[in-house]
């Protein structure tokens, strides 16, 4: 982009078809993005309603690709807002703009904040996909573990259910030497501040980390503040 005041159009791609998760991502992205960023939150029209294992991850790819090739207006960058999901290289192939993966950026940020780090996620079925993703991206050397809390997307908004399990999982990682913890699911992002205060180590919000990285590159001279943009594009 040039140094003009033109908006930075940032796509946030939910890999599943859930309107509720898309709404969570949209609100969160707008809250953390800077002035000058136009947030465009997308979801596939077909595919799994939740990505909760390998089969869901692979089934999500055609819908994500179809959604991106049908865009009415170009994006300046895209964040794949799933954790441990497949499809990153395919998305990069069809878009001629930077495509960041929440898994890679979140884990790399946590890894830079401590000598060792851990990841907390939703279900046990997500542990292997996340480990595989970390391995492909060269991020396993200082990872002490991936801890699931046995809560799916349907329950993730119920703080009374999620928080005690999230705190226990993060403390297990800290006991194993983690000096930073990364949230390993889009539906856990709202718990970052509370979890940080409970476990006493940095807790990485991977969506915020990805957005901040892109804005540092594209909007280096813009002040912070709430993002603008049209309603999310389903």
Protein backbone atom coordinates (compact mmCIF):
# COMPACT_ATOMS: atom_id res chain seq x y z
CA UNK A 1 0.00 0.00 0.00
CA UNK A 2 1.04 3.58 -0.48
CA UNK A 3 1.29 6.12 2.29
CA UNK A 4 -2.15 7.53 1.52
CA UNK A 5 -5.11 7.39 3.88
CA UNK A 6 -6.81 4.63 1.89
CA UNK A 7 -8.24 1.94 4.20
CA UNK A 8 -6.28 -1.24 4.73
CA UNK A 9 -8.76 -4.02 3.82
CA UNK A 10 -8.03 -6.93 6.14
CA UNK A 11 -9.88 -10.20 5.64
CA UNK A 12 -10.53 -12.50 8.61
CA UNK A 13 -11.49 -15.96 7.34
CA UNK A 14 -13.40 -18.30 9.63
CA UNK A 15 -12.69 -21.85 8.37
CA UNK A 16 -16.08 -23.13 9.56
CA UNK A 17 -19.60 -22.13 8.53
CA UNK A 18 -20.82 -21.10 12.00
CA UNK A 19 -22.41 -17.62 12.03
CA UNK A 20 -21.86 -17.44 15.80
CA UNK A 21 -18.10 -18.04 15.51
CA UNK A 22 -17.94 -15.58 12.62
CA UNK A 23 -19.61 -12.95 14.81
CA UNK A 24 -17.10 -13.61 17.62
CA UNK A 25 -14.21 -13.19 15.19
CA UNK A 26 -15.70 -10.03 13.70
CA UNK A 27 -16.22 -8.34 17.06
CA UNK A 28 -12.79 -9.34 18.29
CA UNK A 29 -10.97 -8.21 15.15
CA UNK A 30 -12.69 -4.82 15.18
CA UNK A 31 -11.84 -4.35 18.85
CA UNK A 32 -8.10 -4.92 18.39
CA UNK A 33 -7.55 -3.43 14.92
CA UNK A 34 -6.28 0.10 14.36
CA UNK A 35 -7.96 3.09 12.82
CA UNK A 36 -7.32 2.78 9.10
CA UNK A 37 -8.10 -0.93 8.99
CA UNK A 38 -11.31 -2.08 7.32
CA UNK A 39 -12.18 -5.48 8.74
CA UNK A 40 -13.95 -7.88 6.37
CA UNK A 41 -14.89 -11.07 8.18
CA UNK A 42 -15.74 -14.04 5.98
CA UNK A 43 -17.05 -17.56 6.34
CA UNK A 44 -17.57 -20.37 3.83
CA UNK A 45 -21.08 -21.11 2.58
CA UNK A 46 -20.42 -24.85 2.73
CA UNK A 47 -18.30 -27.13 4.85
CA UNK A 48 -18.20 -28.16 8.52
CA UNK A 49 -20.02 -26.07 11.13
CA UNK A 50 -17.07 -26.62 13.46
CA UNK A 51 -13.47 -27.65 12.82
CA UNK A 52 -12.82 -30.15 15.58
CA UNK A 53 -10.41 -32.67 14.10
CA UNK A 54 -8.54 -33.75 10.96
CA UNK A 55 -11.60 -34.65 8.88
CA UNK A 56 -13.28 -31.29 9.62
CA UNK A 57 -10.05 -29.47 8.74
CA UNK A 58 -9.77 -31.12 5.34
CA UNK A 59 -13.48 -30.69 4.59
CA UNK A 60 -13.19 -26.96 5.31
CA UNK A 61 -10.72 -26.25 2.50
CA UNK A 62 -13.05 -26.33 -0.55
CA UNK A 63 -15.50 -23.94 1.12
CA UNK A 64 -12.75 -21.51 2.09
CA UNK A 65 -11.33 -21.50 -1.44
CA UNK A 66 -14.77 -21.02 -3.00
CA UNK A 67 -15.43 -18.10 -0.67
CA UNK A 68 -12.20 -16.34 -1.58
CA UNK A 69 -12.55 -16.69 -5.33
CA UNK A 70 -16.04 -15.13 -5.08
CA UNK A 71 -14.88 -11.93 -3.34
CA UNK A 72 -16.45 -8.79 -4.79
CA UNK A 73 -13.68 -6.45 -3.58
CA UNK A 74 -9.97 -7.22 -3.22
CA UNK A 75 -8.26 -7.59 0.13
CA UNK A 76 -4.87 -6.23 1.16
CA UNK A 77 -4.18 -9.21 3.44
CA UNK A 78 -5.95 -12.18 5.02
CA UNK A 79 -5.78 -13.97 8.37
CA UNK A 80 -6.81 -17.63 8.48
CA UNK A 81 -8.63 -17.56 11.82
CA UNK A 82 -8.43 -21.24 12.71
CA UNK A 83 -5.89 -23.04 14.85
CA UNK A 84 -4.22 -26.19 13.57
CA UNK A 85 -6.26 -26.01 10.36
CA UNK A 86 -5.09 -27.10 6.93
CA UNK A 87 -5.42 -25.08 3.75
CA UNK A 88 -2.91 -22.28 4.35
CA UNK A 89 -0.79 -22.93 1.27
CA UNK A 90 -3.90 -23.33 -0.91
CA UNK A 91 -5.19 -19.96 0.29
CA UNK A 92 -1.82 -18.39 -0.45
CA UNK A 93 -1.95 -19.84 -3.95
CA UNK A 94 -5.30 -18.25 -4.83
CA UNK A 95 -4.63 -14.84 -3.23
CA UNK A 96 -1.92 -12.49 -4.42
CA UNK A 97 -1.66 -10.84 -0.98
CA UNK A 98 -0.14 -11.89 2.37
CA UNK A 99 -2.06 -14.70 4.10
CA UNK A 100 -1.19 -15.22 7.77
CA UNK A 101 -2.09 -18.27 9.83
CA UNK A 102 -3.28 -17.74 13.39
CA UNK A 103 -1.46 -20.93 14.43
CA UNK A 104 1.94 -19.87 13.15
CA UNK A 105 1.79 -16.25 14.32
CA UNK A 106 0.31 -17.10 17.73
CA UNK A 107 2.81 -19.85 18.47
CA UNK A 108 5.76 -17.83 17.17
CA UNK A 109 4.72 -14.91 19.39
CA UNK A 110 4.43 -17.14 22.45
CA UNK A 111 7.78 -18.73 21.61
CA UNK A 112 9.41 -15.29 21.51
CA UNK A 113 7.99 -14.35 24.93
CA UNK A 114 9.56 -17.21 26.85
CA UNK A 115 12.19 -19.89 26.54
CA UNK A 116 9.38 -22.44 26.30
CA UNK A 117 5.68 -22.13 25.57
CA UNK A 118 2.46 -24.17 25.57
CA UNK A 119 -0.86 -24.16 23.73
CA UNK A 120 -4.34 -24.61 25.21
CA UNK A 121 -7.11 -25.75 22.90
CA UNK A 122 -10.67 -27.04 22.86
CA UNK A 123 -10.86 -30.79 22.21
CA UNK A 124 -8.42 -33.70 22.31
CA UNK A 125 -9.10 -34.28 18.59
CA UNK A 126 -7.39 -30.95 17.87
CA UNK A 127 -4.11 -31.86 19.55
CA UNK A 128 -2.63 -33.81 16.62
CA UNK A 129 -3.59 -31.24 13.96
CA UNK A 130 -2.06 -28.48 16.08
CA UNK A 131 1.14 -30.45 16.72
CA UNK A 132 1.40 -31.19 13.01
CA UNK A 133 0.93 -27.52 12.15
CA UNK A 134 3.59 -26.47 14.66
CA UNK A 135 5.98 -29.08 13.28
CA UNK A 136 5.52 -27.95 9.66
CA UNK A 137 6.26 -24.37 10.72
CA UNK A 138 9.32 -25.28 12.79
CA UNK A 139 7.77 -24.31 16.11
CA UNK A 140 8.02 -27.52 18.13
CA UNK A 141 11.51 -27.10 19.55
CA UNK A 142 10.40 -25.06 22.56
CA UNK A 143 6.81 -26.30 22.84
CA UNK A 144 6.11 -28.10 26.12
CA UNK A 145 2.68 -29.37 25.09
CA UNK A 146 -0.80 -28.84 23.70
CA UNK A 147 -3.47 -29.17 26.39
CA UNK A 148 -7.16 -29.64 25.50
CA UNK A 149 -9.93 -28.56 27.85
CA UNK A 150 -12.58 -30.94 26.44
CA UNK A 151 -14.95 -28.13 25.50
CA UNK A 152 -16.34 -27.82 21.98
CA UNK A 153 -17.46 -24.76 20.09
CA UNK A 154 -21.04 -25.12 21.33
CA UNK A 155 -19.96 -24.67 24.98
CA UNK A 156 -17.13 -22.21 24.46
CA UNK A 157 -19.19 -19.12 25.31
CA UNK A 158 -20.11 -20.47 28.76
CA UNK A 159 -17.44 -18.92 30.96
CA UNK A 160 -18.45 -20.99 34.00
CA UNK A 161 -17.58 -24.13 32.05
CA UNK A 162 -14.56 -22.87 30.12
CA UNK A 163 -12.55 -20.78 32.56
CA UNK A 164 -11.83 -23.37 35.28
CA UNK A 165 -10.69 -25.89 32.67
CA UNK A 166 -8.69 -23.28 30.79
CA UNK A 167 -6.91 -22.19 33.96
CA UNK A 168 -6.13 -25.80 34.93
CA UNK A 169 -4.77 -26.58 31.46
CA UNK A 170 -2.60 -23.45 31.38
CA UNK A 171 -1.24 -24.16 34.87
CA UNK A 172 -0.29 -27.67 33.76
CA UNK A 173 1.70 -26.17 30.91
CA UNK A 174 3.38 -23.72 33.28
CA UNK A 175 4.23 -26.63 35.61
CA UNK A 176 5.90 -28.28 32.60
CA UNK A 177 8.06 -25.21 32.03
CA UNK A 178 5.96 -22.96 29.82
CA UNK A 179 6.83 -19.27 30.22
CA UNK A 180 4.06 -18.21 27.82
CA UNK A 181 0.75 -19.73 26.74
CA UNK A 182 -0.98 -19.41 23.37
CA UNK A 183 -4.74 -19.75 22.97
CA UNK A 184 -5.30 -22.50 20.42
CA UNK A 185 -8.83 -21.75 19.22
CA UNK A 186 -10.75 -18.74 17.95
CA UNK A 187 -13.52 -19.40 20.48
CA UNK A 188 -11.08 -18.97 23.41
CA UNK A 189 -9.84 -15.49 22.49
CA UNK A 190 -12.09 -13.58 24.88
CA UNK A 191 -10.51 -15.35 27.86
CA UNK A 192 -6.95 -14.08 27.27
CA UNK A 193 -6.89 -11.29 29.89
CA UNK A 194 -8.50 -13.38 32.64
CA UNK A 195 -6.24 -16.34 31.94
CA UNK A 196 -3.14 -14.13 32.04
CA UNK A 197 -4.08 -12.79 35.47
CA UNK A 198 -4.70 -16.31 36.78
CA UNK A 199 -1.54 -18.07 35.56
CA UNK A 200 0.99 -15.24 35.82
CA UNK A 201 2.64 -15.69 32.41
CA UNK A 202 1.98 -13.96 29.08
CA UNK A 203 -1.09 -15.29 27.26
CA UNK A 204 -1.09 -14.80 23.49
CA UNK A 205 -4.24 -13.92 21.58
CA UNK A 206 -3.21 -15.26 18.14
CA UNK A 207 -5.74 -13.23 16.15
CA UNK A 208 -4.62 -9.98 17.76
CA UNK A 209 -0.99 -10.98 17.16
CA UNK A 210 -1.63 -11.63 13.45
CA UNK A 211 -3.54 -8.37 12.99
CA UNK A 212 -0.84 -6.40 14.80
CA UNK A 213 1.89 -7.87 12.62
CA UNK A 214 0.09 -6.95 9.41
CA UNK A 215 -0.71 -3.45 10.65
CA UNK A 216 2.89 -2.88 11.67
CA UNK A 217 3.88 -3.60 8.07
CA UNK A 218 1.03 -1.81 6.32
CA UNK A 219 0.10 1.01 8.71
CA UNK A 220 3.33 1.96 10.49
CA UNK A 221 2.34 5.60 10.93
CA UNK A 222 -1.32 5.18 11.91
CA UNK A 223 -2.51 5.68 15.50
CA UNK A 224 -4.31 2.92 17.34
CA UNK A 225 -8.07 2.83 17.88
CA UNK A 226 -11.16 0.96 16.81
CA UNK A 227 -11.28 -0.30 13.25
CA UNK A 228 -13.85 0.72 10.70
CA UNK A 229 -15.55 -1.40 8.11
CA UNK A 230 -18.74 -2.76 6.64
CA UNK A 231 -20.78 -5.52 8.31
CA UNK A 232 -19.14 -8.90 8.11
CA UNK A 233 -19.43 -10.71 4.80
CA UNK A 234 -20.82 -14.20 5.29
